[in-house]
Amino acid sequence: MAGQTGRHSKWRPETGRHSNQRPETRYGIEELKDMAYLRGTLHISMLENAVNSKEAKLSEKESLQKLIFKWSNGDFNSYDEAAKERILEDLLPHSNIKEL
């Protein structure tokens, strides 16, 4: 099926690349919006760089079973708490999610 992604996908907003993409190919987290058939596990790292997080439309990904969110190991004391909350709210998954 066109647009279907495998059982485990890893998205890195900091580089704008999917783990299976060549290094010169760059995407933002908003590119996930068109990936309607994502399923299994999705790992999104370095969330502080996900400035367009709402565009990912995770609430529409009915086949996702597990989401893994990861912030970088940097100093978050300087990162705005309200911005962190907004990113997490924007990435609210579909109700079918089994593990977050």
N, C-alpha and C. Protein backbone atom coordinates (compact mmCIF):
# COMPACT_ATOMS: atom_id res chain seq x y z
N MET A 1 0.85 -1.17 0.00
CA MET A 1 0.00 0.00 0.00
C MET A 1 0.89 1.24 0.00
N ALA A 2 0.63 2.17 -0.87
CA ALA A 2 1.43 3.38 -0.97
C ALA A 2 1.33 4.20 0.30
N GLY A 3 2.45 4.75 0.74
CA GLY A 3 2.46 5.59 1.93
C GLY A 3 2.51 4.82 3.23
N GLN A 4 2.54 3.51 3.16
CA GLN A 4 2.55 2.71 4.38
C GLN A 4 3.96 2.63 4.92
N THR A 5 4.08 2.75 6.22
CA THR A 5 5.38 2.73 6.87
C THR A 5 5.48 1.48 7.72
N GLY A 6 6.69 0.98 7.91
CA GLY A 6 6.92 -0.25 8.64
C GLY A 6 6.52 -0.21 10.10
N ARG A 7 6.87 -1.24 10.82
CA ARG A 7 6.44 -1.43 12.19
C ARG A 7 7.10 -0.45 13.16
N HIS A 8 8.27 0.05 12.86
CA HIS A 8 8.96 0.97 13.77
C HIS A 8 9.53 2.12 12.96
N SER A 9 9.10 3.32 13.28
CA SER A 9 9.58 4.51 12.58
C SER A 9 10.23 5.44 13.58
N LYS A 10 11.27 6.11 13.16
CA LYS A 10 11.94 7.06 14.04
C LYS A 10 12.04 8.39 13.32
N TRP A 11 11.50 9.42 13.92
CA TRP A 11 11.49 10.75 13.33
C TRP A 11 12.35 11.67 14.17
N ARG A 12 13.24 12.40 13.55
CA ARG A 12 14.15 13.28 14.27
C ARG A 12 13.93 14.72 13.81
N PRO A 13 13.12 15.50 14.57
CA PRO A 13 12.89 16.89 14.18
C PRO A 13 14.15 17.73 14.14
N GLU A 14 15.16 17.36 14.94
CA GLU A 14 16.38 18.17 14.99
C GLU A 14 17.12 18.17 13.67
N THR A 15 17.01 17.08 12.93
CA THR A 15 17.65 17.03 11.62
C THR A 15 16.62 17.08 10.51
N GLY A 16 15.36 16.90 10.89
CA GLY A 16 14.32 16.88 9.88
C GLY A 16 14.41 15.67 8.99
N ARG A 17 14.87 14.55 9.53
CA ARG A 17 15.03 13.34 8.72
C ARG A 17 14.34 12.16 9.38
N HIS A 18 13.79 11.32 8.56
CA HIS A 18 13.32 10.01 9.01
C HIS A 18 14.55 9.13 9.04
N SER A 19 14.62 8.18 9.94
CA SER A 19 15.83 7.38 10.09
C SER A 19 16.21 6.62 8.83
N ASN A 20 15.26 6.38 7.93
CA ASN A 20 15.57 5.65 6.71
C ASN A 20 15.95 6.57 5.55
N GLN A 21 15.97 7.87 5.77
CA GLN A 21 16.28 8.82 4.72
C GLN A 21 17.78 9.06 4.61
N ARG A 22 18.22 9.44 3.43
CA ARG A 22 19.62 9.81 3.25
C ARG A 22 19.87 11.13 3.97
N PRO A 23 21.09 11.37 4.45
CA PRO A 23 21.38 12.57 5.24
C PRO A 23 21.03 13.89 4.57
N GLU A 24 21.09 13.98 3.25
CA GLU A 24 20.80 15.25 2.59
C GLU A 24 19.30 15.53 2.48
N THR A 25 18.46 14.56 2.78
CA THR A 25 17.02 14.75 2.73
C THR A 25 16.56 15.28 4.08
N ARG A 26 15.88 16.43 4.08
CA ARG A 26 15.44 17.04 5.34
C ARG A 26 13.94 17.28 5.30
N TYR A 27 13.31 17.00 6.44
CA TYR A 27 11.88 17.22 6.59
C TYR A 27 11.64 17.81 7.97
N GLY A 28 10.52 18.48 8.13
CA GLY A 28 10.09 18.93 9.44
C GLY A 28 9.06 17.96 9.98
N ILE A 29 8.74 18.09 11.25
CA ILE A 29 7.78 17.18 11.88
C ILE A 29 6.42 17.26 11.18
N GLU A 30 6.14 18.39 10.55
CA GLU A 30 4.86 18.54 9.84
C GLU A 30 4.71 17.56 8.68
N GLU A 31 5.81 16.98 8.22
CA GLU A 31 5.75 16.00 7.13
C GLU A 31 4.99 14.73 7.56
N LEU A 32 4.87 14.50 8.85
CA LEU A 32 4.14 13.33 9.34
C LEU A 32 2.65 13.42 9.02
N LYS A 33 2.15 14.62 8.75
CA LYS A 33 0.71 14.80 8.52
C LYS A 33 0.21 13.98 7.35
N ASP A 34 1.02 13.77 6.34
CA ASP A 34 0.60 13.02 5.16
C ASP A 34 0.86 11.52 5.27
N MET A 35 1.40 11.09 6.38
CA MET A 35 1.70 9.67 6.57
C MET A 35 0.54 9.01 7.31
N ALA A 36 -0.55 8.85 6.61
CA ALA A 36 -1.79 8.36 7.21
C ALA A 36 -1.71 6.91 7.67
N TYR A 37 -0.81 6.14 7.10
CA TYR A 37 -0.77 4.71 7.41
C TYR A 37 0.35 4.33 8.37
N LEU A 38 0.83 5.27 9.15
CA LEU A 38 1.83 4.93 10.16
C LEU A 38 1.23 3.90 11.11
N ARG A 39 2.03 2.93 11.49
CA ARG A 39 1.53 1.90 12.42
C ARG A 39 2.68 1.41 13.28
N GLY A 40 2.34 0.71 14.32
CA GLY A 40 3.36 0.18 15.21
C GLY A 40 3.88 1.26 16.14
N THR A 41 5.20 1.42 16.19
CA THR A 41 5.86 2.35 17.11
C THR A 41 6.44 3.54 16.36
N LEU A 42 6.22 4.72 16.90
CA LEU A 42 6.81 5.94 16.35
C LEU A 42 7.63 6.60 17.45
N HIS A 43 8.90 6.84 17.17
CA HIS A 43 9.82 7.46 18.11
C HIS A 43 10.15 8.85 17.58
N ILE A 44 9.81 9.88 18.37
CA ILE A 44 10.13 11.25 17.99
C ILE A 44 11.10 11.79 19.03
N SER A 45 12.29 12.16 18.58
CA SER A 45 13.30 12.65 19.51
C SER A 45 13.56 14.14 19.31
N MET A 46 14.23 14.72 20.30
CA MET A 46 14.57 16.14 20.33
C MET A 46 13.33 17.01 20.10
N LEU A 47 12.34 16.79 20.93
CA LEU A 47 11.05 17.48 20.80
C LEU A 47 11.15 18.99 20.87
N GLU A 48 12.18 19.51 21.51
CA GLU A 48 12.32 20.97 21.61
C GLU A 48 12.44 21.62 20.24
N ASN A 49 12.76 20.85 19.22
CA ASN A 49 12.88 21.39 17.86
C ASN A 49 11.60 21.21 17.04
N ALA A 50 10.58 20.66 17.64
CA ALA A 50 9.33 20.38 16.93
C ALA A 50 8.43 21.62 16.95
N VAL A 51 8.83 22.66 16.25
CA VAL A 51 8.11 23.93 16.30
C VAL A 51 6.74 23.87 15.64
N ASN A 52 6.54 22.99 14.70
CA ASN A 52 5.24 22.83 14.03
C ASN A 52 4.60 21.51 14.43
N SER A 53 4.68 21.18 15.70
CA SER A 53 4.26 19.86 16.18
C SER A 53 2.79 19.54 15.88
N LYS A 54 1.92 20.52 15.89
CA LYS A 54 0.50 20.26 15.62
C LYS A 54 0.29 19.72 14.21
N GLU A 55 1.16 20.11 13.30
CA GLU A 55 1.05 19.67 11.90
C GLU A 55 1.29 18.17 11.73
N ALA A 56 1.86 17.51 12.73
CA ALA A 56 2.10 16.06 12.63
C ALA A 56 0.78 15.28 12.60
N LYS A 57 -0.28 15.86 13.14
CA LYS A 57 -1.62 15.25 13.15
C LYS A 57 -1.61 13.83 13.70
N LEU A 58 -0.94 13.64 14.83
CA LEU A 58 -0.87 12.30 15.42
C LEU A 58 -2.24 11.79 15.85
N SER A 59 -3.17 12.70 16.12
CA SER A 59 -4.51 12.28 16.53
C SER A 59 -5.26 11.56 15.40
N GLU A 60 -4.75 11.66 14.18
CA GLU A 60 -5.38 11.00 13.03
C GLU A 60 -4.71 9.67 12.68
N LYS A 61 -3.66 9.31 13.39
CA LYS A 61 -2.91 8.08 13.09
C LYS A 61 -3.50 6.93 13.90
N GLU A 62 -4.58 6.35 13.38
CA GLU A 62 -5.34 5.32 14.10
C GLU A 62 -4.58 4.02 14.31
N SER A 63 -3.59 3.73 13.49
CA SER A 63 -2.89 2.45 13.57
C SER A 63 -1.63 2.49 14.43
N LEU A 64 -1.26 3.66 14.93
CA LEU A 64 -0.11 3.72 15.83
C LEU A 64 -0.46 3.03 17.13
N GLN A 65 0.46 2.22 17.63
CA GLN A 65 0.22 1.50 18.87
C GLN A 65 1.07 2.06 20.02
N LYS A 66 2.23 2.60 19.67
CA LYS A 66 3.14 3.07 20.71
C LYS A 66 3.85 4.34 20.23
N LEU A 67 3.91 5.33 21.11
CA LEU A 67 4.64 6.56 20.84
C LEU A 67 5.73 6.72 21.87
N ILE A 68 6.91 7.10 21.41
CA ILE A 68 8.02 7.39 22.30
C ILE A 68 8.45 8.82 22.01
N PHE A 69 8.35 9.68 23.01
CA PHE A 69 8.78 11.06 22.88
C PHE A 69 10.05 11.25 23.69
N LYS A 70 11.00 11.98 23.12
CA LYS A 70 12.25 12.20 23.83
C LYS A 70 12.74 13.63 23.61
N TRP A 71 13.08 14.29 24.70
CA TRP A 71 13.72 15.60 24.65
C TRP A 71 15.21 15.35 24.59
N SER A 72 15.98 16.31 24.10
CA SER A 72 17.43 16.13 24.07
C SER A 72 17.97 16.18 25.49
N ASN A 73 19.22 15.86 25.63
CA ASN A 73 19.86 15.86 26.95
C ASN A 73 20.34 17.24 27.36
N GLY A 74 19.94 18.27 26.63
CA GLY A 74 20.38 19.63 26.91
C GLY A 74 19.78 20.20 28.18
N ASP A 75 20.12 21.43 28.45
CA ASP A 75 19.64 22.13 29.63
C ASP A 75 18.23 22.66 29.38
N PHE A 76 17.24 22.10 30.07
CA PHE A 76 15.86 22.52 29.87
C PHE A 76 15.43 23.62 30.80
N ASN A 77 16.30 24.03 31.72
CA ASN A 77 15.93 25.13 32.59
C ASN A 77 15.69 26.40 31.79
N SER A 78 16.38 26.52 30.67
CA SER A 78 16.22 27.72 29.85
C SER A 78 15.07 27.57 28.85
N TYR A 79 14.52 26.37 28.73
CA TYR A 79 13.45 26.14 27.76
C TYR A 79 12.11 26.46 28.41
N ASP A 80 11.29 27.18 27.73
CA ASP A 80 10.00 27.65 28.22
C ASP A 80 9.06 26.48 28.52
N GLU A 81 8.59 26.40 29.77
CA GLU A 81 7.67 25.33 30.17
C GLU A 81 6.38 25.36 29.36
N ALA A 82 5.88 26.54 29.06
CA ALA A 82 4.65 26.66 28.27
C ALA A 82 4.87 26.10 26.86
N ALA A 83 6.04 26.31 26.31
CA ALA A 83 6.35 25.77 24.97
C ALA A 83 6.40 24.24 25.02
N LYS A 84 6.97 23.69 26.08
CA LYS A 84 7.00 22.22 26.23
C LYS A 84 5.58 21.66 26.29
N GLU A 85 4.74 22.29 27.09
CA GLU A 85 3.36 21.83 27.21
C GLU A 85 2.62 21.91 25.88
N ARG A 86 2.84 23.00 25.14
CA ARG A 86 2.18 23.16 23.85
C ARG A 86 2.59 22.05 22.89
N ILE A 87 3.88 21.74 22.85
CA ILE A 87 4.36 20.67 21.97
C ILE A 87 3.70 19.35 22.32
N LEU A 88 3.66 19.02 23.61
CA LEU A 88 3.05 17.75 24.03
C LEU A 88 1.55 17.73 23.75
N GLU A 89 0.87 18.84 23.95
CA GLU A 89 -0.57 18.90 23.64
C GLU A 89 -0.80 18.75 22.14
N ASP A 90 0.06 19.37 21.34
CA ASP A 90 -0.07 19.27 19.88
C ASP A 90 0.17 17.86 19.37
N LEU A 91 0.94 17.08 20.12
CA LEU A 91 1.26 15.71 19.71
C LEU A 91 0.35 14.67 20.37
N LEU A 92 -0.78 15.11 20.86
CA LEU A 92 -1.74 14.20 21.48
C LEU A 92 -2.14 13.13 20.46
N PRO A 93 -1.96 11.86 20.81
CA PRO A 93 -2.23 10.78 19.84
C PRO A 93 -3.71 10.40 19.75
N HIS A 94 -4.01 9.56 18.79
CA HIS A 94 -5.35 8.98 18.63
C HIS A 94 -5.67 8.14 19.87
N SER A 95 -6.93 7.98 20.17
CA SER A 95 -7.33 7.22 21.36
C SER A 95 -7.00 5.73 21.27
N ASN A 96 -6.64 5.24 20.09
CA ASN A 96 -6.27 3.83 19.92
C ASN A 96 -4.87 3.51 20.45
N ILE A 97 -4.10 4.53 20.81
CA ILE A 97 -2.72 4.31 21.25
C ILE A 97 -2.72 3.41 22.49
N LYS A 98 -1.81 2.45 22.52
CA LYS A 98 -1.74 1.51 23.63
C LYS A 98 -0.65 1.86 24.63
N GLU A 99 0.41 2.53 24.16
CA GLU A 99 1.52 2.86 25.05
C GLU A 99 2.11 4.20 24.65
N LEU A 100 2.33 5.04 25.66
CA LEU A 100 2.89 6.37 25.43
C LEU A 100 4.04 6.58 26.38
